[in-house]
C-alpha atoms as a PDB file:
ATOM      1  CA  MET A   1     -28.637  32.132  72.784  1.00  0.00           C
ATOM      2  CA  LYS A   2     -26.993  28.927  73.096  1.00  0.00           C
ATOM      3  CA  ASP A   3     -23.068  28.275  73.308  1.00  0.00           C
ATOM      4  CA  TYR A   4     -21.417  26.084  69.946  1.00  0.00           C
ATOM      5  CA  ILE A   5     -19.179  23.954  70.174  1.00  0.00           C
ATOM      6  CA  ILE A   6     -16.779  23.260  66.977  1.00  0.00           C
ATOM      7  CA  THR A   7     -16.016  19.963  65.659  1.00  0.00           C
ATOM      8  CA  THR A   8     -13.925  18.480  62.508  1.00  0.00           C
ATOM      9  CA  ASP A   9     -12.038  15.854  60.848  1.00  0.00           C
ATOM     10  CA  ILE A  10      -8.947  13.889  62.009  1.00  0.00           C
ATOM     11  CA  THR A  11      -8.160  15.084  58.570  1.00  0.00           C
ATOM     12  CA  CYS A  12      -7.722  18.385  59.424  1.00  0.00           C
ATOM     13  CA  ASP A  13      -3.631  17.554  60.831  1.00  0.00           C
ATOM     14  CA  LEU A  14      -4.152  19.901  64.059  1.00  0.00           C
ATOM     15  CA  PRO A  15      -1.678  18.865  66.875  1.00  0.00           C
ATOM     16  CA  GLU A  16      -3.411  17.420  69.458  1.00  0.00           C
ATOM     17  CA  ASP A  17      -2.969  20.430  72.653  1.00  0.00           C
ATOM     18  CA  TYR A  18      -4.137  22.552  69.885  1.00  0.00           C
ATOM     19  CA  LEU A  19      -7.371  20.038  69.637  1.00  0.00           C
ATOM     20  CA  ARG A  20      -7.485  20.260  73.753  1.00  0.00           C
ATOM     21  CA  GLN A  21      -6.866  23.718  74.275  1.00  0.00           C
ATOM     22  CA  HIS A  22      -9.900  24.880  72.431  1.00  0.00           C
ATOM     23  CA  ASN A  23     -12.096  22.501  73.096  1.00  0.00           C
ATOM     24  CA  ILE A  24     -12.585  20.787  69.799  1.00  0.00           C
ATOM     25  CA  SER A  25     -14.024  17.320  69.469  1.00  0.00           C
ATOM     26  CA  VAL A  26     -12.726  15.294  66.238  1.00  0.00           C
ATOM     27  CA  LEU A  27     -14.592  12.692  63.921  1.00  0.00           C
ATOM     28  CA  PRO A  28     -11.906  10.045  62.923  1.00  0.00           C
ATOM     29  CA  LEU A  29     -11.374   8.513  59.645  1.00  0.00           C
ATOM     30  CA  TYR A  30      -9.650   4.534  59.588  1.00  0.00           C
ATOM     31  CA  TYR A  31      -7.290   3.146  57.162  1.00  0.00           C
ATOM     32  CA  THR A  32      -5.729  -0.245  57.056  1.00  0.00           C
ATOM     33  CA  PHE A  33      -2.697  -2.085  56.482  1.00  0.00           C
ATOM     34  CA  ASP A  34      -2.533  -5.745  55.381  1.00  0.00           C
ATOM     35  CA  ASP A  35      -6.584  -6.175  56.775  1.00  0.00           C
ATOM     36  CA  THR A  36      -5.365  -4.831  59.908  1.00  0.00           C
ATOM     37  CA  VAL A  37      -7.952  -1.395  60.761  1.00  0.00           C
ATOM     38  CA  TYR A  38      -6.195   2.005  62.664  1.00  0.00           C
ATOM     39  CA  GLY A  39      -7.489   4.682  63.854  1.00  0.00           C
ATOM     40  CA  ASP A  40      -9.825   3.071  66.963  1.00  0.00           C
ATOM     41  CA  LYS A  41      -8.369   1.142  69.232  1.00  0.00           C
ATOM     42  CA  ILE A  42      -4.996   0.410  67.348  1.00  0.00           C
ATOM     43  CA  PHE A  43      -2.479   3.367  65.984  1.00  0.00           C
ATOM     44  CA  LEU A  44       0.841   3.831  64.513  1.00  0.00           C
ATOM     45  CA  THR A  45       2.785   6.909  65.079  1.00  0.00           C
ATOM     46  CA  PRO A  46       3.195   8.830  62.110  1.00  0.00           C
ATOM     47  CA  LYS A  47       6.834   7.487  61.802  1.00  0.00           C
ATOM     48  CA  GLU A  48       5.576   4.095  61.652  1.00  0.00           C
ATOM     49  CA  PHE A  49       2.887   4.782  59.241  1.00  0.00           C
ATOM     50  CA  TYR A  50       5.440   6.230  56.321  1.00  0.00           C
ATOM     51  CA  ASP A  51       7.845   3.977  57.330  1.00  0.00           C
ATOM     52  CA  LYS A  52       5.602   0.906  56.383  1.00  0.00           C
ATOM     53  CA  MET A  53       5.078   2.879  53.355  1.00  0.00           C
ATOM     54  CA  ARG A  54       8.587   3.747  52.793  1.00  0.00           C
ATOM     55  CA  LYS A  55       8.744  -0.137  52.754  1.00  0.00           C
ATOM     56  CA  GLY A  56       5.950  -1.178  50.185  1.00  0.00           C
ATOM     57  CA  ALA A  57       3.133  -1.315  52.256  1.00  0.00           C
ATOM     58  CA  MET A  58       0.015   0.044  50.362  1.00  0.00           C
ATOM     59  CA  PRO A  59      -2.801   1.761  53.100  1.00  0.00           C
ATOM     60  CA  THR A  60      -6.438   1.699  52.234  1.00  0.00           C
ATOM     61  CA  THR A  61      -8.574   4.476  53.644  1.00  0.00           C
ATOM     62  CA  MET A  62     -12.136   4.983  54.560  1.00  0.00           C
ATOM     63  CA  ALA A  63     -14.640   7.913  54.767  1.00  0.00           C
ATOM     64  CA  ALA A  64     -16.011   8.230  58.502  1.00  0.00           C
ATOM     65  CA  ASN A  65     -18.155   5.827  60.181  1.00  0.00           C
ATOM     66  CA  PRO A  66     -21.951   7.454  60.749  1.00  0.00           C
ATOM     67  CA  GLU A  67     -22.197   5.814  63.916  1.00  0.00           C
ATOM     68  CA  ASN A  68     -19.068   7.585  64.977  1.00  0.00           C
ATOM     69  CA  ALA A  69     -20.782  10.891  63.624  1.00  0.00           C
ATOM     70  CA  ARG A  70     -23.823  10.103  65.406  1.00  0.00           C
ATOM     71  CA  MET A  71     -22.186   9.451  68.842  1.00  0.00           C
ATOM     72  CA  LEU A  72     -20.041  12.700  68.921  1.00  0.00           C
ATOM     73  CA  PHE A  73     -23.032  14.956  67.990  1.00  0.00           C
ATOM     74  CA  THR A  74     -25.597  13.282  70.170  1.00  0.00           C
ATOM     75  CA  GLY A  75     -22.973  13.658  73.188  1.00  0.00           C
ATOM     76  CA  LEU A  76     -22.142  17.302  72.263  1.00  0.00           C
ATOM     77  CA  LEU A  77     -26.130  17.797  71.845  1.00  0.00           C
ATOM     78  CA  ASP A  78     -26.913  16.251  75.399  1.00  0.00           C
ATOM     79  CA  GLN A  79     -24.409  18.704  77.191  1.00  0.00           C
ATOM     80  CA  GLY A  80     -26.720  21.368  75.755  1.00  0.00           C
ATOM     81  CA  TYR A  81     -24.511  22.564  72.698  1.00  0.00           C
ATOM     82  CA  ASP A  82     -25.223  23.897  68.922  1.00  0.00           C
ATOM     83  CA  ILE A  83     -22.405  22.402  66.641  1.00  0.00           C
ATOM     84  CA  LEU A  84     -20.100  24.188  63.869  1.00  0.00           C
ATOM     85  CA  HIS A  85     -18.902  20.884  62.153  1.00  0.00           C
ATOM     86  CA  ILE A  86     -16.211  21.981  59.740  1.00  0.00           C
ATOM     87  CA  ALA A  87     -15.440  18.845  57.117  1.00  0.00           C
ATOM     88  CA  PHE A  88     -12.659  17.716  54.851  1.00  0.00           C
ATOM     89  CA  SER A  89     -13.538  18.422  51.366  1.00  0.00           C
ATOM     90  CA  SER A  90     -16.320  16.901  50.072  1.00  0.00           C
ATOM     91  CA  ALA A  91     -14.596  16.726  46.500  1.00  0.00           C
ATOM     92  CA  LEU A  92     -11.959  14.616  48.172  1.00  0.00           C
ATOM     93  CA  SER A  93     -13.786  12.172  50.651  1.00  0.00           C
ATOM     94  CA  GLY A  94     -17.287  11.168  51.599  1.00  0.00           C
ATOM     95  CA  SER A  95     -16.715  12.448  54.743  1.00  0.00           C
ATOM     96  CA  CYS A  96     -18.918  15.608  54.898  1.00  0.00           C
ATOM     97  CA  SER A  97     -21.853  13.875  53.116  1.00  0.00           C
ATOM     98  CA  VAL A  98     -21.622  11.086  56.107  1.00  0.00           C
ATOM     99  CA  ALA A  99     -21.810  14.111  58.531  1.00  0.00           C
ATOM    100  CA  GLY A 100     -24.343  15.861  56.763  1.00  0.00           C
ATOM    101  CA  THR A 101     -26.837  12.986  56.745  1.00  0.00           C
ATOM    102  CA  VAL A 102     -26.194  12.565  59.859  1.00  0.00           C
ATOM    103  CA  ALA A 103     -27.015  15.574  61.579  1.00  0.00           C
ATOM    104  CA  ARG A 104     -29.959  15.921  59.143  1.00  0.00           C
ATOM    105  CA  GLU A 105     -31.547  12.724  61.014  1.00  0.00           C
ATOM    106  CA  LEU A 106     -30.462  14.248  63.812  1.00  0.00           C
ATOM    107  CA  GLN A 107     -32.316  17.510  63.942  1.00  0.00           C
ATOM    108  CA  GLU A 108     -35.180  15.166  62.470  1.00  0.00           C
ATOM    109  CA  GLU A 109     -35.610  13.481  65.923  1.00  0.00           C
ATOM    110  CA  ARG A 110     -34.596  16.738  68.275  1.00  0.00           C
ATOM    111  CA  PRO A 111     -35.797  19.505  66.456  1.00  0.00           C
ATOM    112  CA  GLU A 112     -34.261  21.719  69.013  1.00  0.00           C
ATOM    113  CA  ALA A 113     -30.921  20.464  68.234  1.00  0.00           C
ATOM    114  CA  ARG A 114     -29.020  22.975  65.634  1.00  0.00           C
ATOM    115  CA  ILE A 115     -25.983  21.078  63.909  1.00  0.00           C
ATOM    116  CA  VAL A 116     -24.354  23.533  60.730  1.00  0.00           C
ATOM    117  CA  VAL A 117     -22.441  21.180  58.366  1.00  0.00           C
ATOM    118  CA  VAL A 118     -19.316  23.315  56.597  1.00  0.00           C
ATOM    119  CA  ASP A 119     -17.728  21.630  53.737  1.00  0.00           C
ATOM    120  CA  SER A 120     -14.831  23.526  54.013  1.00  0.00           C
ATOM    121  CA  LEU A 121     -13.339  22.433  50.491  1.00  0.00           C
ATOM    122  CA  CYS A 122     -10.151  22.003  52.353  1.00  0.00           C
ATOM    123  CA  ALA A 123      -7.607  19.256  53.126  1.00  0.00           C
ATOM    124  CA  SER A 124      -4.505  18.749  55.898  1.00  0.00           C
ATOM    125  CA  LEU A 125      -3.586  21.548  57.263  1.00  0.00           C
ATOM    126  CA  GLY A 126      -5.758  23.908  55.014  1.00  0.00           C
ATOM    127  CA  GLU A 127      -8.625  22.338  56.855  1.00  0.00           C
ATOM    128  CA  GLY A 128      -7.071  23.007  59.964  1.00  0.00           C
ATOM    129  CA  LEU A 129      -6.432  26.775  59.120  1.00  0.00           C
ATOM    130  CA  PHE A 130     -10.346  26.461  58.321  1.00  0.00           C
ATOM    131  CA  VAL A 131     -10.398  25.552  62.226  1.00  0.00           C
ATOM    132  CA  HIS A 132      -8.599  28.108  63.494  1.00  0.00           C
ATOM    133  CA  LYS A 133     -10.247  30.676  61.996  1.00  0.00           C
ATOM    134  CA  ALA A 134     -13.777  29.397  62.936  1.00  0.00           C
ATOM    135  CA  VAL A 135     -11.915  29.251  66.895  1.00  0.00           C
ATOM    136  CA  GLU A 136     -10.528  32.555  66.729  1.00  0.00           C
ATOM    137  CA  LEU A 137     -14.110  34.030  65.591  1.00  0.00           C
ATOM    138  CA  LYS A 138     -16.075  31.944  68.346  1.00  0.00           C
ATOM    139  CA  GLU A 139     -13.359  33.038  71.092  1.00  0.00           C
ATOM    140  CA  SER A 140     -13.723  36.372  69.999  1.00  0.00           C
ATOM    141  CA  GLY A 141     -17.135  36.362  71.115  1.00  0.00           C
ATOM    142  CA  LYS A 142     -18.575  35.688  67.197  1.00  0.00           C
ATOM    143  CA  SER A 143     -22.043  33.493  67.611  1.00  0.00           C
ATOM    144  CA  LEU A 144     -22.613  30.325  65.173  1.00  0.00           C
ATOM    145  CA  ASP A 145     -24.095  32.440  62.508  1.00  0.00           C
ATOM    146  CA  GLU A 146     -21.550  35.278  62.388  1.00  0.00           C
ATOM    147  CA  THR A 147     -18.452  32.395  62.156  1.00  0.00           C
ATOM    148  CA  LEU A 148     -20.224  30.799  59.741  1.00  0.00           C
ATOM    149  CA  ALA A 149     -21.260  33.704  57.777  1.00  0.00           C
ATOM    150  CA  TRP A 150     -17.035  34.392  58.359  1.00  0.00           C
ATOM    151  CA  LEU A 151     -16.312  30.951  56.898  1.00  0.00           C
ATOM    152  CA  GLU A 152     -18.476  30.912  53.697  1.00  0.00           C
ATOM    153  CA  LYS A 153     -17.157  34.454  52.728  1.00  0.00           C
ATOM    154  CA  ASN A 154     -13.891  33.389  52.731  1.00  0.00           C
ATOM    155  CA  LYS A 155     -14.003  29.882  51.982  1.00  0.00           C
ATOM    156  CA  LEU A 156     -12.503  30.094  48.270  1.00  0.00           C
ATOM    157  CA  ASN A 157      -8.836  32.298  50.039  1.00  0.00           C
ATOM    158  CA  PHE A 158      -8.104  29.270  52.008  1.00  0.00           C
ATOM    159  CA  CYS A 159      -5.181  28.510  50.033  1.00  0.00           C
ATOM    160  CA  HIS A 160      -3.467  25.371  49.739  1.00  0.00           C
ATOM    161  CA  LEU A 161       0.394  24.007  47.755  1.00  0.00           C
ATOM    162  CA  PHE A 162       1.833  21.052  48.212  1.00  0.00           C
ATOM    163  CA  THR A 163       4.505  18.723  46.380  1.00  0.00           C
ATOM    164  CA  VAL A 164       5.282  14.761  46.467  1.00  0.00           C
ATOM    165  CA  ASP A 165       8.082  13.361  46.777  1.00  0.00           C
ATOM    166  CA  ASP A 166       7.097  10.314  44.948  1.00  0.00           C
ATOM    167  CA  LEU A 167       4.922  10.058  41.883  1.00  0.00           C
ATOM    168  CA  PHE A 168       3.614   6.532  42.241  1.00  0.00           C
ATOM    169  CA  HIS A 169       1.569   7.794  45.220  1.00  0.00           C
ATOM    170  CA  LEU A 170      -0.159  10.390  42.886  1.00  0.00           C
ATOM    171  CA  HIS A 171      -0.601   7.609  40.330  1.00  0.00           C
ATOM    172  CA  ARG A 172      -2.176   5.335  42.821  1.00  0.00           C
ATOM    173  CA  GLY A 173      -4.733   7.704  43.448  1.00  0.00           C
ATOM    174  CA  GLY A 174      -5.151   8.471  39.715  1.00  0.00           C
ATOM    175  CA  ARG A 175      -3.640  11.896  40.072  1.00  0.00           C
ATOM    176  CA  VAL A 176      -0.960  11.659  37.045  1.00  0.00           C
ATOM    177  CA  SER A 177      -0.942   8.780  34.468  1.00  0.00           C
ATOM    178  CA  LYS A 178       1.572   5.561  35.237  1.00  0.00           C
ATOM    179  CA  ALA A 179       3.753   6.983  32.621  1.00  0.00           C
ATOM    180  CA  THR A 180       3.747  10.118  33.874  1.00  0.00           C
ATOM    181  CA  ALA A 181       5.144   8.660  36.889  1.00  0.00           C
ATOM    182  CA  ILE A 182       7.658   6.525  35.682  1.00  0.00           C
ATOM    183  CA  ILE A 183       9.336   9.366  33.046  1.00  0.00           C
ATOM    184  CA  GLY A 184       9.131  12.277  35.923  1.00  0.00           C
ATOM    185  CA  THR A 185      11.017   9.855  38.472  1.00  0.00           C
ATOM    186  CA  LEU A 186      13.688   9.126  36.203  1.00  0.00           C
ATOM    187  CA  ILE A 187      14.243  12.705  35.521  1.00  0.00           C
ATOM    188  CA  ASN A 188      13.601  13.642  38.941  1.00  0.00           C
ATOM    189  CA  VAL A 189      10.800  15.894  38.269  1.00  0.00           C
ATOM    190  CA  LYS A 190       8.653  17.017  41.710  1.00  0.00           C
ATOM    191  CA  PRO A 191       5.470  18.546  40.654  1.00  0.00           C
ATOM    192  CA  VAL A 192       3.297  21.138  42.566  1.00  0.00           C
ATOM    193  CA  LEU A 193      -0.349  20.854  43.099  1.00  0.00           C
ATOM    194  CA  HIS A 194      -2.657  22.961  44.672  1.00  0.00           C
ATOM    195  CA  VAL A 195      -6.310  22.623  45.838  1.00  0.00           C
ATOM    196  CA  ASP A 196      -9.212  24.280  43.710  1.00  0.00           C
ATOM    197  CA  ASN A 197     -12.114  26.267  44.091  1.00  0.00           C
ATOM    198  CA  GLU A 198     -14.140  22.695  43.993  1.00  0.00           C
ATOM    199  CA  GLY A 199     -11.776  21.126  46.773  1.00  0.00           C
ATOM    200  CA  ARG A 200     -10.129  19.266  43.920  1.00  0.00           C
ATOM    201  CA  LEU A 201      -6.349  18.089  43.890  1.00  0.00           C
ATOM    202  CA  ILE A 202      -5.009  19.960  40.724  1.00  0.00           C
ATOM    203  CA  PRO A 203      -1.704  19.950  38.913  1.00  0.00           C
ATOM    204  CA  LEU A 204      -0.158  23.318  39.173  1.00  0.00           C
ATOM    205  CA  ASN A 205       3.631  22.872  37.211  1.00  0.00           C
ATOM    206  CA  ASN A 206       6.700  20.343  37.367  1.00  0.00           C
ATOM    207  CA  VAL A 207      10.256  21.378  38.818  1.00  0.00           C
ATOM    208  CA  ARG A 208      13.250  19.576  38.621  1.00  0.00           C
ATOM    209  CA  GLY A 209      14.436  18.659  41.843  1.00  0.00           C
ATOM    210  CA  ARG A 210      13.285  18.871  45.501  1.00  0.00           C
ATOM    211  CA  LYS A 211      14.774  21.957  46.704  1.00  0.00           C
ATOM    212  CA  LYS A 212      13.027  23.961  43.409  1.00  0.00           C
ATOM    213  CA  ALA A 213       9.703  22.243  44.363  1.00  0.00           C
ATOM    214  CA  LEU A 214       9.475  24.052  47.896  1.00  0.00           C
ATOM    215  CA  ILE A 215      11.029  26.871  46.528  1.00  0.00           C
ATOM    216  CA  SER A 216       8.613  26.987  43.990  1.00  0.00           C
ATOM    217  CA  LEU A 217       5.539  26.528  46.855  1.00  0.00           C
ATOM    218  CA  VAL A 218       6.331  29.618  48.316  1.00  0.00           C
ATOM    219  CA  ASP A 219       6.974  31.480  44.744  1.00  0.00           C
ATOM    220  CA  GLN A 220       3.670  30.361  44.135  1.00  0.00           C
ATOM    221  CA  MET A 221       2.408  32.048  47.731  1.00  0.00           C
ATOM    222  CA  GLU A 222       3.681  35.393  46.682  1.00  0.00           C
ATOM    223  CA  ASN A 223       1.695  35.219  43.735  1.00  0.00           C
ATOM    224  CA  ARG A 224      -1.530  34.652  45.980  1.00  0.00           C
ATOM    225  CA  LEU A 225      -0.599  37.180  48.800  1.00  0.00           C
ATOM    226  CA  LYS A 226      -1.514  40.675  47.327  1.00  0.00           C
ATOM    227  CA  ASN A 227      -4.941  41.067  48.831  1.00  0.00           C
ATOM    228  CA  TYR A 228      -4.397  39.078  52.007  1.00  0.00           C
ATOM    229  CA  PRO A 229      -0.732  40.232  53.899  1.00  0.00           C
ATOM    230  CA  GLN A 230      -2.818  41.201  56.790  1.00  0.00           C
ATOM    231  CA  GLN A 231      -4.709  37.724  57.182  1.00  0.00           C
ATOM    232  CA  ASN A 232      -1.451  35.793  57.602  1.00  0.00           C
ATOM    233  CA  ASP A 233       0.160  36.246  60.817  1.00  0.00           C
ATOM    234  CA  ILE A 234       1.014  32.606  60.668  1.00  0.00           C
ATOM    235  CA  VAL A 235       1.268  29.921  57.893  1.00  0.00           C
ATOM    236  CA  PHE A 236       0.251  25.965  58.207  1.00  0.00           C
ATOM    237  CA  ILE A 237       2.827  23.514  57.261  1.00  0.00           C
ATOM    238  CA  SER A 238       1.831  19.735  56.950  1.00  0.00           C
ATOM    239  CA  HIS A 239       4.647  17.247  56.015  1.00  0.00           C
ATOM    240  CA  GLY A 240       4.956  13.750  55.077  1.00  0.00           C
ATOM    241  CA  ASP A 241       7.467  12.433  57.865  1.00  0.00           C
ATOM    242  CA  CYS A 242      10.204  15.209  56.477  1.00  0.00           C
ATOM    243  CA  GLU A 243      10.165  17.779  59.214  1.00  0.00           C
ATOM    244  CA  GLU A 244      13.377  19.517  57.890  1.00  0.00           C
ATOM    245  CA  ASP A 245      11.529  20.462  54.477  1.00  0.00           C
ATOM    246  CA  ALA A 246       8.879  21.972  56.296  1.00  0.00           C
ATOM    247  CA  GLN A 247      11.381  23.955  58.502  1.00  0.00           C
ATOM    248  CA  PHE A 248      13.140  24.630  55.102  1.00  0.00           C
ATOM    249  CA  VAL A 249       9.829  26.218  53.891  1.00  0.00           C
ATOM    250  CA  ALA A 250       8.808  28.242  57.134  1.00  0.00           C
ATOM    251  CA  ASP A 251      12.290  29.853  57.173  1.00  0.00           C
ATOM    252  CA  LEU A 252      11.999  31.148  53.770  1.00  0.00           C
ATOM    253  CA  ILE A 253       8.610  32.420  54.161  1.00  0.00           C
ATOM    254  CA  LYS A 254       9.768  34.365  56.907  1.00  0.00           C
ATOM    255  CA  GLU A 255      12.547  35.505  55.199  1.00  0.00           C
ATOM    256  CA  ARG A 256      10.845  36.773  51.981  1.00  0.00           C
ATOM    257  CA  PHE A 257       7.803  37.978  53.599  1.00  0.00           C
ATOM    258  CA  GLY A 258       8.075  38.399  57.424  1.00  0.00           C
ATOM    259  CA  ILE A 259       6.094  35.822  58.642  1.00  0.00           C
ATOM    260  CA  LYS A 260       7.023  34.776  61.717  1.00  0.00           C
ATOM    261  CA  ASN A 261       4.942  32.133  62.903  1.00  0.00           C
ATOM    262  CA  ALA A 262       4.078  28.807  61.420  1.00  0.00           C
ATOM    263  CA  LEU A 263       2.609  25.557  62.820  1.00  0.00           C
ATOM    264  CA  LEU A 264       4.182  22.178  61.499  1.00  0.00           C
ATOM    265  CA  ASN A 265       2.708  18.808  61.484  1.00  0.00           C
ATOM    266  CA  TYR A 266       2.213  15.360  60.174  1.00  0.00           C
ATOM    267  CA  VAL A 267       0.058  14.639  57.150  1.00  0.00           C
ATOM    268  CA  CYS A 268      -2.407  12.130  59.074  1.00  0.00           C
ATOM    269  CA  PRO A 269      -3.022   8.882  57.154  1.00  0.00           C
ATOM    270  CA  THR A 270      -6.085   9.582  55.807  1.00  0.00           C
ATOM    271  CA  ILE A 271      -4.555  11.949  53.193  1.00  0.00           C
ATOM    272  CA  GLY A 272      -1.165  10.608  53.566  1.00  0.00           C
ATOM    273  CA  SER A 273      -2.012   6.948  51.976  1.00  0.00           C
ATOM    274  CA  HIS A 274      -2.611   9.057  48.751  1.00  0.00           C
ATOM    275  CA  SER A 275       0.534  11.814  48.860  1.00  0.00           C
ATOM    276  CA  GLY A 276       3.179   9.509  50.734  1.00  0.00           C
ATOM    277  CA  PRO A 277       6.089   9.901  52.733  1.00  0.00           C
ATOM    278  CA  GLY A 278       7.935  13.423  51.858  1.00  0.00           C
ATOM    279  CA  THR A 279       4.950  15.188  50.969  1.00  0.00           C
ATOM    280  CA  VAL A 280       5.123  19.117  52.057  1.00  0.00           C
ATOM    281  CA  ALA A 281       2.050  21.327  51.653  1.00  0.00           C
ATOM    282  CA  LEU A 282       1.633  24.951  52.844  1.00  0.00           C
ATOM    283  CA  PHE A 283      -1.369  26.599  53.759  1.00  0.00           C
ATOM    284  CA  PHE A 284      -2.477  30.492  53.852  1.00  0.00           C
ATOM    285  CA  MET A 285      -4.905  33.046  53.092  1.00  0.00           C
ATOM    286  CA  GLY A 286      -4.553  34.638  49.650  1.00  0.00           C
ATOM    287  CA  ASN A 287      -6.453  36.355  47.009  1.00  0.00           C
ATOM    288  CA  GLU A 288      -7.431  32.790  45.208  1.00  0.00           C
ATOM    289  CA  ARG A 289      -6.773  29.802  45.162  1.00  0.00           C
END
């Protein structure tokens, strides 16, 4: 039985040291500001990215490049590995489709090759948590098929809850109407959203004020924890350059549920382009999405 490598998209939002430590290869996705393409040879730090958005610059995003996927997969196949690729939700990006197409092409060219593309139905550190669970299984000695079976069985138990600070970024992405964005901003409404069973972003409820929105994330988590407390030795929290707010959520989770470990990191530009500065997103295992 051949060894396998786990690959994923840059949208998993896992820290670089985690990726290196666990030998995870990442497929890049690009974005643009004012006709300049970032994510390949030109990069912005997370703070630079979000500061540009705060100053009014509006980025655009692109799905994964098929040639990049081919290069990534071919390099690993040449080393003798099978590949388990964990993809960004197909409901939010074409990257899963790109990876799947490239995988099929390579397997036709190389009958001995095995590339399994999993639609995680996850985003940001939700996708990161999906990868993390796959890593734990792999490093405990589980085969590709055993890891795949667990992921498919538990896919809909990866919960995503998030709030944004600026409704106009959701309006740009078609998630709320312009009227809702204007009125909500005037009365300081903060939406709480989740990712549903099809991997789509769906509004849950609205609250008045930022702090109440952050607390609501933890309230919603409590509703989803009934059958899964043992699965949450760690929670993942991503943020749009607002680490203090992310830490507030982590501290509240520790106080309420006793979950001491939290991995915090930035929301990547591909997702942050649509959610904006001030986003806080919470990810954990639960009984329902």
